[in-house]
Amino acid sequence: MMRKLCEAGQLLAWLREVLKHAKAIDVDVVVVDTAESRSLVQITLHDVPGPLGGLQVGPPSDD
């Protein structure tokens, strides 16, 4: 699985668009706590309409 840092705002905007155009999507959310103070979250969308070629997120900004 490819991992890439991304800008949260762009990812949420893309997800909002996907969900807005879908009648129904199954969503699996898995949260894994780590020994550190951070957790791993995996979100899987099933039955998403159309191709997902529009997913383009960039690295987080340095704000």
N, C-alpha and C. Protein backbone atom coordinates (compact mmCIF):
# COMPACT_ATOMS: atom_id res chain seq x y z
N MET A 1 0.84 -1.17 0.00
CA MET A 1 0.00 0.00 0.00
C MET A 1 0.89 1.24 0.00
N MET A 2 0.57 2.19 -0.88
CA MET A 2 1.35 3.41 -0.97
C MET A 2 0.88 4.40 0.11
N ARG A 3 1.81 4.97 0.83
CA ARG A 3 1.48 5.97 1.84
C ARG A 3 2.05 7.30 1.40
N LYS A 4 1.26 8.36 1.60
CA LYS A 4 1.70 9.68 1.17
C LYS A 4 1.06 10.70 2.11
N LEU A 5 1.87 11.62 2.60
CA LEU A 5 1.32 12.71 3.39
C LEU A 5 0.44 13.56 2.49
N CYS A 6 -0.68 14.02 3.02
CA CYS A 6 -1.55 14.85 2.20
C CYS A 6 -2.14 15.97 3.02
N GLU A 7 -2.61 16.97 2.33
CA GLU A 7 -3.23 18.12 2.94
C GLU A 7 -4.64 17.73 3.34
N ALA A 8 -4.97 17.82 4.62
CA ALA A 8 -6.25 17.36 5.13
C ALA A 8 -7.43 18.06 4.46
N GLY A 9 -7.32 19.35 4.23
CA GLY A 9 -8.43 20.09 3.62
C GLY A 9 -8.77 19.59 2.23
N GLN A 10 -7.74 19.31 1.42
CA GLN A 10 -7.98 18.79 0.07
C GLN A 10 -8.60 17.41 0.12
N LEU A 11 -8.14 16.57 1.02
CA LEU A 11 -8.69 15.23 1.14
C LEU A 11 -10.15 15.28 1.56
N LEU A 12 -10.48 16.13 2.52
CA LEU A 12 -11.87 16.24 2.97
C LEU A 12 -12.77 16.83 1.89
N ALA A 13 -12.26 17.78 1.12
CA ALA A 13 -13.04 18.35 0.02
C ALA A 13 -13.33 17.29 -1.03
N TRP A 14 -12.33 16.46 -1.36
CA TRP A 14 -12.54 15.39 -2.33
C TRP A 14 -13.56 14.38 -1.80
N LEU A 15 -13.43 14.00 -0.54
CA LEU A 15 -14.36 13.05 0.06
C LEU A 15 -15.77 13.60 0.07
N ARG A 16 -15.92 14.88 0.37
CA ARG A 16 -17.24 15.53 0.34
C ARG A 16 -17.87 15.42 -1.04
N GLU A 17 -17.08 15.64 -2.10
CA GLU A 17 -17.60 15.55 -3.47
C GLU A 17 -18.01 14.12 -3.81
N VAL A 18 -17.20 13.15 -3.42
CA VAL A 18 -17.53 11.74 -3.69
C VAL A 18 -18.85 11.38 -3.03
N LEU A 19 -19.00 11.74 -1.77
CA LEU A 19 -20.20 11.38 -1.03
C LEU A 19 -21.42 12.16 -1.51
N LYS A 20 -21.22 13.39 -1.99
CA LYS A 20 -22.34 14.20 -2.48
C LYS A 20 -22.98 13.58 -3.71
N HIS A 21 -22.19 12.92 -4.56
CA HIS A 21 -22.69 12.37 -5.82
C HIS A 21 -23.10 10.91 -5.70
N ALA A 22 -23.03 10.34 -4.54
CA ALA A 22 -23.36 8.93 -4.36
C ALA A 22 -24.71 8.78 -3.67
N LYS A 23 -25.47 7.79 -4.12
CA LYS A 23 -26.74 7.50 -3.45
C LYS A 23 -26.49 6.73 -2.17
N ALA A 24 -25.58 5.80 -2.21
CA ALA A 24 -25.24 5.01 -1.02
C ALA A 24 -23.84 4.45 -1.19
N ILE A 25 -23.03 4.61 -0.16
CA ILE A 25 -21.66 4.07 -0.16
C ILE A 25 -21.47 3.37 1.17
N ASP A 26 -20.92 2.16 1.11
CA ASP A 26 -20.55 1.47 2.34
C ASP A 26 -19.18 1.97 2.77
N VAL A 27 -19.05 2.27 4.04
CA VAL A 27 -17.79 2.81 4.56
C VAL A 27 -17.31 1.93 5.70
N ASP A 28 -16.07 1.49 5.61
CA ASP A 28 -15.42 0.76 6.70
C ASP A 28 -14.36 1.70 7.29
N VAL A 29 -14.38 1.87 8.60
CA VAL A 29 -13.38 2.69 9.27
C VAL A 29 -12.70 1.81 10.32
N VAL A 30 -11.37 1.70 10.22
CA VAL A 30 -10.59 0.92 11.17
C VAL A 30 -9.62 1.87 11.85
N VAL A 31 -9.64 1.89 13.18
CA VAL A 31 -8.73 2.73 13.96
C VAL A 31 -7.84 1.82 14.78
N VAL A 32 -6.54 1.99 14.64
CA VAL A 32 -5.57 1.19 15.37
C VAL A 32 -4.75 2.11 16.25
N ASP A 33 -4.84 1.92 17.55
CA ASP A 33 -4.02 2.71 18.47
C ASP A 33 -2.60 2.16 18.46
N THR A 34 -1.64 3.07 18.52
CA THR A 34 -0.24 2.66 18.56
C THR A 34 0.33 2.98 19.93
N ALA A 35 1.51 2.50 20.19
CA ALA A 35 2.17 2.78 21.47
C ALA A 35 2.48 4.26 21.61
N GLU A 36 2.63 4.93 20.48
CA GLU A 36 2.88 6.37 20.49
C GLU A 36 1.56 7.09 20.74
N SER A 37 1.59 8.39 20.69
CA SER A 37 0.37 9.16 20.92
C SER A 37 -0.48 9.28 19.66
N ARG A 38 -0.05 8.67 18.56
CA ARG A 38 -0.77 8.77 17.30
C ARG A 38 -1.49 7.46 17.01
N SER A 39 -2.51 7.52 16.18
CA SER A 39 -3.25 6.33 15.78
C SER A 39 -3.26 6.24 14.26
N LEU A 40 -3.50 5.05 13.76
CA LEU A 40 -3.63 4.80 12.33
C LEU A 40 -5.11 4.64 12.03
N VAL A 41 -5.60 5.37 11.03
CA VAL A 41 -7.00 5.26 10.62
C VAL A 41 -7.03 4.86 9.16
N GLN A 42 -7.76 3.80 8.87
CA GLN A 42 -7.92 3.34 7.49
C GLN A 42 -9.39 3.44 7.13
N ILE A 43 -9.70 4.18 6.07
CA ILE A 43 -11.08 4.34 5.62
C ILE A 43 -11.19 3.69 4.25
N THR A 44 -12.13 2.76 4.12
CA THR A 44 -12.36 2.07 2.85
C THR A 44 -13.77 2.37 2.39
N LEU A 45 -13.90 2.88 1.15
CA LEU A 45 -15.21 3.17 0.57
C LEU A 45 -15.54 2.07 -0.43
N HIS A 46 -16.75 1.53 -0.34
CA HIS A 46 -17.22 0.50 -1.27
C HIS A 46 -18.37 1.07 -2.10
N ASP A 47 -18.46 0.64 -3.35
CA ASP A 47 -19.54 1.05 -4.25
C ASP A 47 -19.53 2.54 -4.56
N VAL A 48 -18.34 3.08 -4.76
CA VAL A 48 -18.19 4.49 -5.12
C VAL A 48 -18.51 4.63 -6.61
N PRO A 49 -19.40 5.57 -6.97
CA PRO A 49 -19.75 5.72 -8.38
C PRO A 49 -18.62 6.37 -9.19
N GLY A 50 -18.42 5.86 -10.38
CA GLY A 50 -17.46 6.46 -11.30
C GLY A 50 -16.02 6.22 -10.92
N PRO A 51 -15.11 6.60 -11.82
CA PRO A 51 -13.67 6.44 -11.54
C PRO A 51 -13.20 7.44 -10.49
N LEU A 52 -12.15 7.11 -9.81
CA LEU A 52 -11.61 7.99 -8.77
C LEU A 52 -10.39 8.75 -9.24
N GLY A 53 -10.27 8.94 -10.53
CA GLY A 53 -9.11 9.63 -11.07
C GLY A 53 -8.97 11.06 -10.58
N GLY A 54 -10.04 11.62 -10.02
CA GLY A 54 -9.98 13.00 -9.55
C GLY A 54 -9.31 13.16 -8.19
N LEU A 55 -8.87 12.06 -7.59
CA LEU A 55 -8.22 12.16 -6.28
C LEU A 55 -6.81 12.65 -6.47
N GLN A 56 -6.60 13.92 -6.16
CA GLN A 56 -5.28 14.51 -6.23
C GLN A 56 -5.08 15.35 -4.98
N VAL A 57 -4.27 14.87 -4.09
CA VAL A 57 -4.00 15.63 -2.87
C VAL A 57 -2.50 15.88 -2.81
N GLY A 58 -2.15 17.00 -2.25
CA GLY A 58 -0.75 17.36 -2.17
C GLY A 58 -0.23 17.25 -0.76
N PRO A 59 1.05 17.50 -0.59
CA PRO A 59 1.65 17.43 0.75
C PRO A 59 1.07 18.52 1.64
N PRO A 60 1.11 18.30 2.95
CA PRO A 60 0.58 19.32 3.86
C PRO A 60 1.35 20.62 3.72
N SER A 61 0.65 21.72 3.92
CA SER A 61 1.33 23.01 3.85
C SER A 61 2.12 23.24 5.13
N ASP A 62 3.04 24.17 5.10
CA ASP A 62 3.91 24.43 6.25
C ASP A 62 3.34 25.46 7.21
N ASP A 63 2.03 25.70 7.20
CA ASP A 63 1.42 26.72 8.06
C ASP A 63 1.77 26.51 9.50
